[in-house]
Amino acid sequence: AAGAIVVCHRLPGYGACVHRALTEGSAAEDPALTFLCEG
């Protein structure tokens, strides 16, 4: 509702979630930088 692209990650664990977040962020090529934060 706030305008984010939402990806549901079902594997348990913070490390797996961070890996998925960095993978999703780096998939977009227009900005070359990915900034990982907490929600």
Full PDB file with SEQRES, HELIX, SHEET, SSBOND, CRYST1, ORIGX, SCALE, CONECT and MASTER records, all heavy atoms in Angstrom:
SEQRES   1 A   39  ALA ALA GLY ALA ILE VAL VAL CYS HIS ARG LEU PRO GLY          
SEQRES   2 A   39  TYR GLY ALA CYS VAL HIS ARG ALA LEU THR GLU GLY SER          
SEQRES   3 A   39  ALA ALA GLU ASP PRO ALA LEU THR PHE LEU CYS GLU GLY          
HELIX    1 AA1 TYR A   14  ALA A   27  1                                  14    
CRYST1    1.000    1.000    1.000  90.00  90.00  90.00 P 1           1          
ORIGX1      1.000000  0.000000  0.000000        0.00000                         
ORIGX2      0.000000  1.000000  0.000000        0.00000                         
ORIGX3      0.000000  0.000000  1.000000        0.00000                         
SCALE1      1.000000  0.000000  0.000000        0.00000                         
SCALE2      0.000000  1.000000  0.000000        0.00000                         
SCALE3      0.000000  0.000000  1.000000        0.00000                         
ATOM      1  N   ALA A   1       0.823  -1.211   0.000  1.00  0.00           N  
ATOM      2  CA  ALA A   1       0.000   0.000   0.000  1.00  0.00           C  
ATOM      3  C   ALA A   1       0.856   1.259   0.000  1.00  0.00           C  
ATOM      4  O   ALA A   1       0.448   2.298  -0.530  1.00  0.00           O  
ATOM      5  CB  ALA A   1      -0.941  -0.006   1.206  1.00  0.00           C  
ATOM      6  N   ALA A   2       2.050   1.186   0.578  1.00  0.00           N  
ATOM      7  CA  ALA A   2       2.947   2.347   0.624  1.00  0.00           C  
ATOM      8  C   ALA A   2       3.738   2.505  -0.673  1.00  0.00           C  
ATOM      9  O   ALA A   2       4.463   3.479  -0.839  1.00  0.00           O  
ATOM     10  CB  ALA A   2       3.897   2.225   1.807  1.00  0.00           C  
ATOM     11  N   GLY A   3       3.619   1.547  -1.588  1.00  0.00           N  
ATOM     12  CA  GLY A   3       4.266   1.682  -2.881  1.00  0.00           C  
ATOM     13  C   GLY A   3       5.535   0.876  -3.071  1.00  0.00           C  
ATOM     14  O   GLY A   3       6.271   1.095  -4.034  1.00  0.00           O  
ATOM     15  N   ALA A   4       5.791  -0.067  -2.197  1.00  0.00           N  
ATOM     16  CA  ALA A   4       6.997  -0.891  -2.328  1.00  0.00           C  
ATOM     17  C   ALA A   4       6.716  -2.101  -3.207  1.00  0.00           C  
ATOM     18  O   ALA A   4       5.580  -2.543  -3.342  1.00  0.00           O  
ATOM     19  CB  ALA A   4       7.468  -1.366  -0.955  1.00  0.00           C  
ATOM     20  N   ILE A   5       7.770  -2.614  -3.806  1.00  0.00           N  
ATOM     21  CA  ILE A   5       7.703  -3.917  -4.470  1.00  0.00           C  
ATOM     22  C   ILE A   5       7.891  -4.942  -3.354  1.00  0.00           C  
ATOM     23  O   ILE A   5       8.886  -4.900  -2.622  1.00  0.00           O  
ATOM     24  CB  ILE A   5       8.821  -4.058  -5.519  1.00  0.00           C  
ATOM     25  CG1 ILE A   5       8.688  -2.966  -6.576  1.00  0.00           C  
ATOM     26  CG2 ILE A   5       8.810  -5.440  -6.130  1.00  0.00           C  
ATOM     27  CD1 ILE A   5       9.911  -2.815  -7.452  1.00  0.00           C  
ATOM     28  N   VAL A   6       6.936  -5.842  -3.201  1.00  0.00           N  
ATOM     29  CA  VAL A   6       6.967  -6.774  -2.080  1.00  0.00           C  
ATOM     30  C   VAL A   6       7.309  -8.174  -2.582  1.00  0.00           C  
ATOM     31  O   VAL A   6       6.724  -8.656  -3.542  1.00  0.00           O  
ATOM     32  CB  VAL A   6       5.621  -6.797  -1.330  1.00  0.00           C  
ATOM     33  CG1 VAL A   6       5.661  -7.791  -0.180  1.00  0.00           C  
ATOM     34  CG2 VAL A   6       5.279  -5.411  -0.824  1.00  0.00           C  
ATOM     35  N   VAL A   7       8.283  -8.788  -1.917  1.00  0.00           N  
ATOM     36  CA  VAL A   7       8.696 -10.161  -2.210  1.00  0.00           C  
ATOM     37  C   VAL A   7       8.519 -10.950  -0.923  1.00  0.00           C  
ATOM     38  O   VAL A   7       9.033 -10.554   0.127  1.00  0.00           O  
ATOM     39  CB  VAL A   7      10.175 -10.216  -2.661  1.00  0.00           C  
ATOM     40  CG1 VAL A   7      10.619 -11.646  -2.864  1.00  0.00           C  
ATOM     41  CG2 VAL A   7      10.383  -9.386  -3.903  1.00  0.00           C  
ATOM     42  N   CYS A   8       7.788 -12.045  -1.006  1.00  0.00           N  
ATOM     43  CA  CYS A   8       7.599 -12.887   0.175  1.00  0.00           C  
ATOM     44  C   CYS A   8       8.664 -13.982   0.167  1.00  0.00           C  
ATOM     45  O   CYS A   8       8.779 -14.747  -0.786  1.00  0.00           O  
ATOM     46  CB  CYS A   8       6.199 -13.499   0.180  1.00  0.00           C  
ATOM     47  SG  CYS A   8       5.883 -14.427   1.691  1.00  0.00           S  
ATOM     48  N   HIS A   9       9.428 -14.022   1.219  1.00  0.00           N  
ATOM     49  CA  HIS A   9      10.509 -15.004   1.355  1.00  0.00           C  
ATOM     50  C   HIS A   9      10.109 -15.985   2.444  1.00  0.00           C  
ATOM     51  O   HIS A   9       9.980 -15.617   3.603  1.00  0.00           O  
ATOM     52  CB  HIS A   9      11.816 -14.281   1.717  1.00  0.00           C  
ATOM     53  CG  HIS A   9      12.978 -15.197   1.851  1.00  0.00           C  
ATOM     54  ND1 HIS A   9      13.565 -15.803   0.776  1.00  0.00           N  
ATOM     55  CD2 HIS A   9      13.638 -15.634   2.941  1.00  0.00           C  
ATOM     56  CE1 HIS A   9      14.558 -16.564   1.197  1.00  0.00           C  
ATOM     57  NE2 HIS A   9      14.614 -16.474   2.501  1.00  0.00           N  
ATOM     58  N   ARG A  10       9.917 -17.239   2.084  1.00  0.00           N  
ATOM     59  CA  ARG A  10       9.376 -18.225   3.025  1.00  0.00           C  
ATOM     60  C   ARG A  10      10.428 -19.024   3.785  1.00  0.00           C  
ATOM     61  O   ARG A  10      10.122 -19.663   4.768  1.00  0.00           O  
ATOM     62  CB  ARG A  10       8.469 -19.189   2.278  1.00  0.00           C  
ATOM     63  CG  ARG A  10       7.322 -18.483   1.598  1.00  0.00           C  
ATOM     64  CD  ARG A  10       6.005 -19.022   2.050  1.00  0.00           C  
ATOM     65  NE  ARG A  10       4.921 -18.390   1.323  1.00  0.00           N  
ATOM     66  CZ  ARG A  10       4.102 -17.504   1.878  1.00  0.00           C  
ATOM     67  NH1 ARG A  10       4.248 -17.173   3.124  1.00  0.00           N  
ATOM     68  NH2 ARG A  10       3.133 -16.974   1.170  1.00  0.00           N  
ATOM     69  N   LEU A  11      11.687 -19.009   3.328  1.00  0.00           N  
ATOM     70  CA  LEU A  11      12.720 -19.753   4.042  1.00  0.00           C  
ATOM     71  C   LEU A  11      12.999 -19.084   5.383  1.00  0.00           C  
ATOM     72  O   LEU A  11      13.139 -17.863   5.456  1.00  0.00           O  
ATOM     73  CB  LEU A  11      14.008 -19.815   3.224  1.00  0.00           C  
ATOM     74  CG  LEU A  11      13.973 -20.641   1.953  1.00  0.00           C  
ATOM     75  CD1 LEU A  11      15.286 -20.510   1.208  1.00  0.00           C  
ATOM     76  CD2 LEU A  11      13.682 -22.097   2.263  1.00  0.00           C  
ATOM     77  N   PRO A  12      13.106 -19.859   6.450  1.00  0.00           N  
ATOM     78  CA  PRO A  12      13.349 -19.251   7.766  1.00  0.00           C  
ATOM     79  C   PRO A  12      14.780 -18.736   7.894  1.00  0.00           C  
ATOM     80  O   PRO A  12      15.696 -19.228   7.247  1.00  0.00           O  
ATOM     81  CB  PRO A  12      13.089 -20.403   8.736  1.00  0.00           C  
ATOM     82  CG  PRO A  12      13.367 -21.636   7.948  1.00  0.00           C  
ATOM     83  CD  PRO A  12      12.975 -21.308   6.531  1.00  0.00           C  
ATOM     84  N   GLY A  13      14.936 -17.731   8.713  1.00  0.00           N  
ATOM     85  CA  GLY A  13      16.260 -17.227   9.042  1.00  0.00           C  
ATOM     86  C   GLY A  13      16.572 -15.883   8.431  1.00  0.00           C  
ATOM     87  O   GLY A  13      16.221 -15.593   7.292  1.00  0.00           O  
ATOM     88  N   TYR A  14      17.217 -15.075   9.241  1.00  0.00           N  
ATOM     89  CA  TYR A  14      17.559 -13.712   8.823  1.00  0.00           C  
ATOM     90  C   TYR A  14      18.595 -13.717   7.699  1.00  0.00           C  
ATOM     91  O   TYR A  14      18.512 -12.940   6.762  1.00  0.00           O  
ATOM     92  CB  TYR A  14      18.085 -12.927  10.030  1.00  0.00           C  
ATOM     93  CG  TYR A  14      18.475 -11.515   9.715  1.00  0.00           C  
ATOM     94  CD1 TYR A  14      17.509 -10.569   9.417  1.00  0.00           C  
ATOM     95  CD2 TYR A  14      19.807 -11.121   9.707  1.00  0.00           C  
ATOM     96  CE1 TYR A  14      17.853  -9.261   9.119  1.00  0.00           C  
ATOM     97  CE2 TYR A  14      20.169  -9.825   9.420  1.00  0.00           C  
ATOM     98  CZ  TYR A  14      19.181  -8.901   9.129  1.00  0.00           C  
ATOM     99  OH  TYR A  14      19.527  -7.612   8.830  1.00  0.00           O  
ATOM    100  N   GLY A  15      19.578 -14.587   7.773  1.00  0.00           N  
ATOM    101  CA  GLY A  15      20.627 -14.630   6.757  1.00  0.00           C  
ATOM    102  C   GLY A  15      20.070 -14.945   5.380  1.00  0.00           C  
ATOM    103  O   GLY A  15      20.451 -14.330   4.382  1.00  0.00           O  
ATOM    104  N   ALA A  16      19.152 -15.890   5.309  1.00  0.00           N  
ATOM    105  CA  ALA A  16      18.529 -16.232   4.033  1.00  0.00           C  
ATOM    106  C   ALA A  16      17.710 -15.058   3.505  1.00  0.00           C  
ATOM    107  O   ALA A  16      17.687 -14.789   2.298  1.00  0.00           O  
ATOM    108  CB  ALA A  16      17.647 -17.465   4.181  1.00  0.00           C  
ATOM    109  N   CYS A  17      17.058 -14.340   4.396  1.00  0.00           N  
ATOM    110  CA  CYS A  17      16.267 -13.169   3.998  1.00  0.00           C  
ATOM    111  C   CYS A  17      17.181 -12.063   3.465  1.00  0.00           C  
ATOM    112  O   CYS A  17      16.873 -11.418   2.462  1.00  0.00           O  
ATOM    113  CB  CYS A  17      15.441 -12.666   5.180  1.00  0.00           C  
ATOM    114  SG  CYS A  17      14.353 -11.291   4.786  1.00  0.00           S  
ATOM    115  N   VAL A  18      18.303 -11.833   4.112  1.00  0.00           N  
ATOM    116  CA  VAL A  18      19.253 -10.814   3.652  1.00  0.00           C  
ATOM    117  C   VAL A  18      19.805 -11.204   2.277  1.00  0.00           C  
ATOM    118  O   VAL A  18      19.913 -10.357   1.383  1.00  0.00           O  
ATOM    119  CB  VAL A  18      20.396 -10.628   4.681  1.00  0.00           C  
ATOM    120  CG1 VAL A  18      21.551  -9.852   4.097  1.00  0.00           C  
ATOM    121  CG2 VAL A  18      19.863  -9.940   5.925  1.00  0.00           C  
ATOM    122  N   HIS A  19      20.139 -12.467   2.103  1.00  0.00           N  
ATOM    123  CA  HIS A  19      20.641 -12.922   0.810  1.00  0.00           C  
ATOM    124  C   HIS A  19      19.595 -12.691  -0.279  1.00  0.00           C  
ATOM    125  O   HIS A  19      19.909 -12.194  -1.362  1.00  0.00           O  
ATOM    126  CB  HIS A  19      21.022 -14.401   0.881  1.00  0.00           C  
ATOM    127  CG  HIS A  19      21.644 -14.913  -0.373  1.00  0.00           C  
ATOM    128  ND1 HIS A  19      20.897 -15.473  -1.375  1.00  0.00           N  
ATOM    129  CD2 HIS A  19      22.929 -14.919  -0.796  1.00  0.00           C  
ATOM    130  CE1 HIS A  19      21.688 -15.818  -2.368  1.00  0.00           C  
ATOM    131  NE2 HIS A  19      22.931 -15.496  -2.042  1.00  0.00           N  
ATOM    132  N   ARG A  20      18.347 -13.016   0.007  1.00  0.00           N  
ATOM    133  CA  ARG A  20      17.276 -12.797  -0.964  1.00  0.00           C  
ATOM    134  C   ARG A  20      17.101 -11.309  -1.249  1.00  0.00           C  
ATOM    135  O   ARG A  20      16.896 -10.904  -2.400  1.00  0.00           O  
ATOM    136  CB  ARG A  20      15.970 -13.404  -0.432  1.00  0.00           C  
ATOM    137  CG  ARG A  20      14.753 -13.172  -1.288  1.00  0.00           C  
ATOM    138  CD  ARG A  20      14.777 -14.048  -2.548  1.00  0.00           C  
ATOM    139  NE  ARG A  20      13.650 -13.811  -3.417  1.00  0.00           N  
ATOM    140  CZ  ARG A  20      12.507 -14.476  -3.370  1.00  0.00           C  
ATOM    141  NH1 ARG A  20      12.332 -15.425  -2.471  1.00  0.00           N  
ATOM    142  NH2 ARG A  20      11.546 -14.196  -4.223  1.00  0.00           N  
ATOM    143  N   ALA A  21      17.190 -10.481  -0.207  1.00  0.00           N  
ATOM    144  CA  ALA A  21      17.041  -9.037  -0.396  1.00  0.00           C  
ATOM    145  C   ALA A  21      18.140  -8.486  -1.304  1.00  0.00           C  
ATOM    146  O   ALA A  21      17.860  -7.700  -2.218  1.00  0.00           O  
ATOM    147  CB  ALA A  21      17.064  -8.321   0.959  1.00  0.00           C  
ATOM    148  N   LEU A  22      19.366  -8.902  -1.082  1.00  0.00           N  
ATOM    149  CA  LEU A  22      20.461  -8.425  -1.925  1.00  0.00           C  
ATOM    150  C   LEU A  22      20.336  -8.958  -3.346  1.00  0.00           C  
ATOM    151  O   LEU A  22      20.661  -8.258  -4.303  1.00  0.00           O  
ATOM    152  CB  LEU A  22      21.812  -8.811  -1.312  1.00  0.00           C  
ATOM    153  CG  LEU A  22      22.147  -8.069  -0.018  1.00  0.00           C  
ATOM    154  CD1 LEU A  22      23.409  -8.644   0.615  1.00  0.00           C  
ATOM    155  CD2 LEU A  22      22.289  -6.584  -0.258  1.00  0.00           C  
ATOM    156  N   THR A  23      19.854 -10.182  -3.494  1.00  0.00           N  
ATOM    157  CA  THR A  23      19.632 -10.741  -4.825  1.00  0.00           C  
ATOM    158  C   THR A  23      18.550  -9.952  -5.563  1.00  0.00           C  
ATOM    159  O   THR A  23      18.718  -9.596  -6.731  1.00  0.00           O  
ATOM    160  CB  THR A  23      19.224 -12.226  -4.720  1.00  0.00           C  
ATOM    161  OG1 THR A  23      20.254 -12.936  -4.044  1.00  0.00           O  
ATOM    162  CG2 THR A  23      18.999 -12.832  -6.088  1.00  0.00           C  
ATOM    163  N   GLU A  24      17.449  -9.658  -4.890  1.00  0.00           N  
ATOM    164  CA  GLU A  24      16.359  -8.896  -5.511  1.00  0.00           C  
ATOM    165  C   GLU A  24      16.813  -7.475  -5.841  1.00  0.00           C  
ATOM    166  O   GLU A  24      16.497  -6.944  -6.901  1.00  0.00           O  
ATOM    167  CB  GLU A  24      15.140  -8.837  -4.579  1.00  0.00           C  
ATOM    168  CG  GLU A  24      14.476 -10.176  -4.352  1.00  0.00           C  
ATOM    169  CD  GLU A  24      13.753 -10.711  -5.568  1.00  0.00           C  
ATOM    170  OE1 GLU A  24      13.325  -9.907  -6.424  1.00  0.00           O  
ATOM    171  OE2 GLU A  24      13.607 -11.941  -5.658  1.00  0.00           O  
ATOM    172  N   GLY A  25      17.565  -6.861  -4.946  1.00  0.00           N  
ATOM    173  CA  GLY A  25      18.023  -5.491  -5.174  1.00  0.00           C  
ATOM    174  C   GLY A  25      19.010  -5.379  -6.309  1.00  0.00           C  
ATOM    175  O   GLY A  25      18.982  -4.421  -7.083  1.00  0.00           O  
ATOM    176  N   SER A  26      19.887  -6.353  -6.433  1.00  0.00           N  
ATOM    177  CA  SER A  26      20.891  -6.281  -7.491  1.00  0.00           C  
ATOM    178  C   SER A  26      20.351  -6.739  -8.837  1.00  0.00           C  
ATOM    179  O   SER A  26      21.019  -6.579  -9.856  1.00  0.00           O  
ATOM    180  CB  SER A  26      22.125  -7.092  -7.110  1.00  0.00           C  
ATOM    181  OG  SER A  26      21.784  -8.445  -6.957  1.00  0.00           O  
ATOM    182  N   ALA A  27      19.150  -7.314  -8.871  1.00  0.00           N  
ATOM    183  CA  ALA A  27      18.556  -7.739 -10.141  1.00  0.00           C  
ATOM    184  C   ALA A  27      18.172  -6.538 -11.007  1.00  0.00           C  
ATOM    185  O   ALA A  27      18.169  -6.625 -12.223  1.00  0.00           O  
ATOM    186  CB  ALA A  27      17.336  -8.615  -9.884  1.00  0.00           C  
ATOM    187  N   ALA A  28      17.861  -5.423 -10.376  1.00  0.00           N  
ATOM    188  CA  ALA A  28      17.534  -4.211 -11.128  1.00  0.00           C  
ATOM    189  C   ALA A  28      18.836  -3.558 -11.562  1.00  0.00           C  
ATOM    190  O   ALA A  28      19.698  -3.276 -10.740  1.00  0.00           O  
ATOM    191  CB  ALA A  28      16.731  -3.261 -10.252  1.00  0.00           C  
ATOM    192  N   GLU A  29      18.987  -3.319 -12.838  1.00  0.00           N  
ATOM    193  CA  GLU A  29      20.260  -2.815 -13.346  1.00  0.00           C  
ATOM    194  C   GLU A  29      20.316  -1.303 -13.478  1.00  0.00           C  
ATOM    195  O   GLU A  29      21.401  -0.746 -13.620  1.00  0.00           O  
ATOM    196  CB  GLU A  29      20.562  -3.458 -14.700  1.00  0.00           C  
ATOM    197  CG  GLU A  29      20.835  -4.939 -14.568  1.00  0.00           C  
ATOM    198  CD  GLU A  29      21.216  -5.564 -15.882  1.00  0.00           C  
ATOM    199  OE1 GLU A  29      21.473  -4.829 -16.853  1.00  0.00           O  
ATOM    200  OE2 GLU A  29      21.254  -6.799 -15.944  1.00  0.00           O  
ATOM    201  N   ASP A  30      19.159  -0.629 -13.479  1.00  0.00           N  
ATOM    202  CA  ASP A  30      19.230   0.821 -13.694  1.00  0.00           C  
ATOM    203  C   ASP A  30      19.985   1.527 -12.583  1.00  0.00           C  
ATOM    204  O   ASP A  30      20.913   2.243 -12.861  1.00  0.00           O  
ATOM    205  CB  ASP A  30      17.849   1.421 -13.959  1.00  0.00           C  
ATOM    206  CG  ASP A  30      16.807   1.029 -12.928  1.00  0.00           C  
ATOM    207  OD1 ASP A  30      16.992   0.009 -12.253  1.00  0.00           O  
ATOM    208  OD2 ASP A  30      15.795   1.736 -12.814  1.00  0.00           O  
ATOM    209  N   PRO A  31      19.689   1.329 -11.293  1.00  0.00           N  
ATOM    210  CA  PRO A  31      20.646   1.830 -10.309  1.00  0.00           C  
ATOM    211  C   PRO A  31      21.642   0.723  -9.999  1.00  0.00           C  
ATOM    212  O   PRO A  31      21.261  -0.414  -9.744  1.00  0.00           O  
ATOM    213  CB  PRO A  31      19.795   2.172  -9.093  1.00  0.00           C  
ATOM    214  CG  PRO A  31      18.492   1.517  -9.277  1.00  0.00           C  
ATOM    215  CD  PRO A  31      18.395   1.054 -10.693  1.00  0.00           C  
ATOM    216  N   ALA A  32      22.904   1.066 -10.042  1.00  0.00           N  
ATOM    217  CA  ALA A  32      23.955   0.071  -9.798  1.00  0.00           C  
ATOM    218  C   ALA A  32      24.163  -0.200  -8.315  1.00  0.00           C  
ATOM    219  O   ALA A  32      24.859  -1.135  -7.952  1.00  0.00           O  
ATOM    220  CB  ALA A  32      25.266   0.546 -10.405  1.00  0.00           C  
ATOM    221  N   LEU A  33      23.571   0.605  -7.452  1.00  0.00           N  
ATOM    222  CA  LEU A  33      23.787   0.475  -6.019  1.00  0.00           C  
ATOM    223  C   LEU A  33      22.552  -0.101  -5.337  1.00  0.00           C  
ATOM    224  O   LEU A  33      21.422   0.228  -5.693  1.00  0.00           O  
ATOM    225  CB  LEU A  33      24.106   1.840  -5.409  1.00  0.00           C  
ATOM    226  CG  LEU A  33      25.345   2.532  -5.954  1.00  0.00           C  
ATOM    227  CD1 LEU A  33      25.436   3.951  -5.417  1.00  0.00           C  
ATOM    228  CD2 LEU A  33      26.584   1.745  -5.590  1.00  0.00           C  
ATOM    229  N   THR A  34      22.786  -0.943  -4.348  1.00  0.00           N  
ATOM    230  CA  THR A  34      21.715  -1.512  -3.541  1.00  0.00           C  
ATOM    231  C   THR A  34      22.005  -1.184  -2.085  1.00  0.00           C  
ATOM    232  O   THR A  34      23.109  -1.413  -1.594  1.00  0.00           O  
ATOM    233  CB  THR A  34      21.643  -3.045  -3.722  1.00  0.00           C  
ATOM    234  OG1 THR A  34      21.441  -3.329  -5.100  1.00  0.00           O  
ATOM    235  CG2 THR A  34      20.527  -3.641  -2.909  1.00  0.00           C  
ATOM    236  N   PHE A  35      21.012  -0.642  -1.402  1.00  0.00           N  
ATOM    237  CA  PHE A  35      21.148  -0.220  -0.013  1.00  0.00           C  
ATOM    238  C   PHE A  35      20.257  -1.119   0.837  1.00  0.00           C  
ATOM    239  O   PHE A  35      19.041  -1.076   0.733  1.00  0.00           O  
ATOM    240  CB  PHE A  35      20.742   1.246   0.107  1.00  0.00           C  
ATOM    241  CG  PHE A  35      20.987   1.885   1.441  1.00  0.00           C  
ATOM    242  CD1 PHE A  35      22.067   1.545   2.223  1.00  0.00           C  
ATOM    243  CD2 PHE A  35      20.127   2.869   1.914  1.00  0.00           C  
ATOM    244  CE1 PHE A  35      22.296   2.155   3.436  1.00  0.00           C  
ATOM    245  CE2 PHE A  35      20.344   3.486   3.129  1.00  0.00           C  
ATOM    246  CZ  PHE A  35      21.428   3.130   3.893  1.00  0.00           C  
ATOM    247  N   LEU A  36      20.864  -1.963   1.673  1.00  0.00           N  
ATOM    248  CA  LEU A  36      20.142  -2.919   2.508  1.00  0.00           C  
ATOM    249  C   LEU A  36      19.837  -2.288   3.860  1.00  0.00           C  
ATOM    250  O   LEU A  36      20.746  -1.811   4.548  1.00  0.00           O  
ATOM    251  CB  LEU A  36      20.976  -4.185   2.702  1.00  0.00           C  
ATOM    252  CG  LEU A  36      20.436  -5.225   3.666  1.00  0.00           C  
ATOM    253  CD1 LEU A  36      19.154  -5.844   3.125  1.00  0.00           C  
ATOM    254  CD2 LEU A  36      21.482  -6.289   3.915  1.00  0.00           C  
ATOM    255  N   CYS A  37      18.577  -2.308   4.242  1.00  0.00           N  
ATOM    256  CA  CYS A  37      18.157  -1.730   5.528  1.00  0.00           C  
ATOM    257  C   CYS A  37      17.115  -2.633   6.169  1.00  0.00           C  
ATOM    258  O   CYS A  37      16.718  -3.641   5.610  1.00  0.00           O  
ATOM    259  CB  CYS A  37      17.559  -0.339   5.314  1.00  0.00           C  
ATOM    260  SG  CYS A  37      18.691   0.845   4.621  1.00  0.00           S  
ATOM    261  N   GLU A  38      16.659  -2.224   7.314  1.00  0.00           N  
ATOM    262  CA  GLU A  38      15.606  -2.928   8.046  1.00  0.00           C  
ATOM    263  C   GLU A  38      14.289  -2.183   7.866  1.00  0.00           C  
ATOM    264  O   GLU A  38      14.274  -0.971   7.725  1.00  0.00           O  
ATOM    265  CB  GLU A  38      15.941  -2.982   9.536  1.00  0.00           C  
ATOM    266  CG  GLU A  38      17.282  -3.578   9.853  1.00  0.00           C  
ATOM    267  CD  GLU A  38      17.340  -5.053   9.572  1.00  0.00           C  
ATOM    268  OE1 GLU A  38      16.307  -5.733   9.693  1.00  0.00           O  
ATOM    269  OE2 GLU A  38      18.421  -5.535   9.211  1.00  0.00           O  
ATOM    270  N   GLY A  39      13.200  -2.915   7.929  1.00  0.00           N  
ATOM    271  CA  GLY A  39      11.888  -2.306   7.772  1.00  0.00           C  
ATOM    272  C   GLY A  39      11.297  -1.776   9.060  1.00  0.00           C  
ATOM    273  O   GLY A  39      10.157  -1.322   9.085  1.00  0.00           O  
TER     274      GLY A  39                                                      
MASTER        0    0    0    1    0    0    0    6  273    1    0    3          
END                                                                             
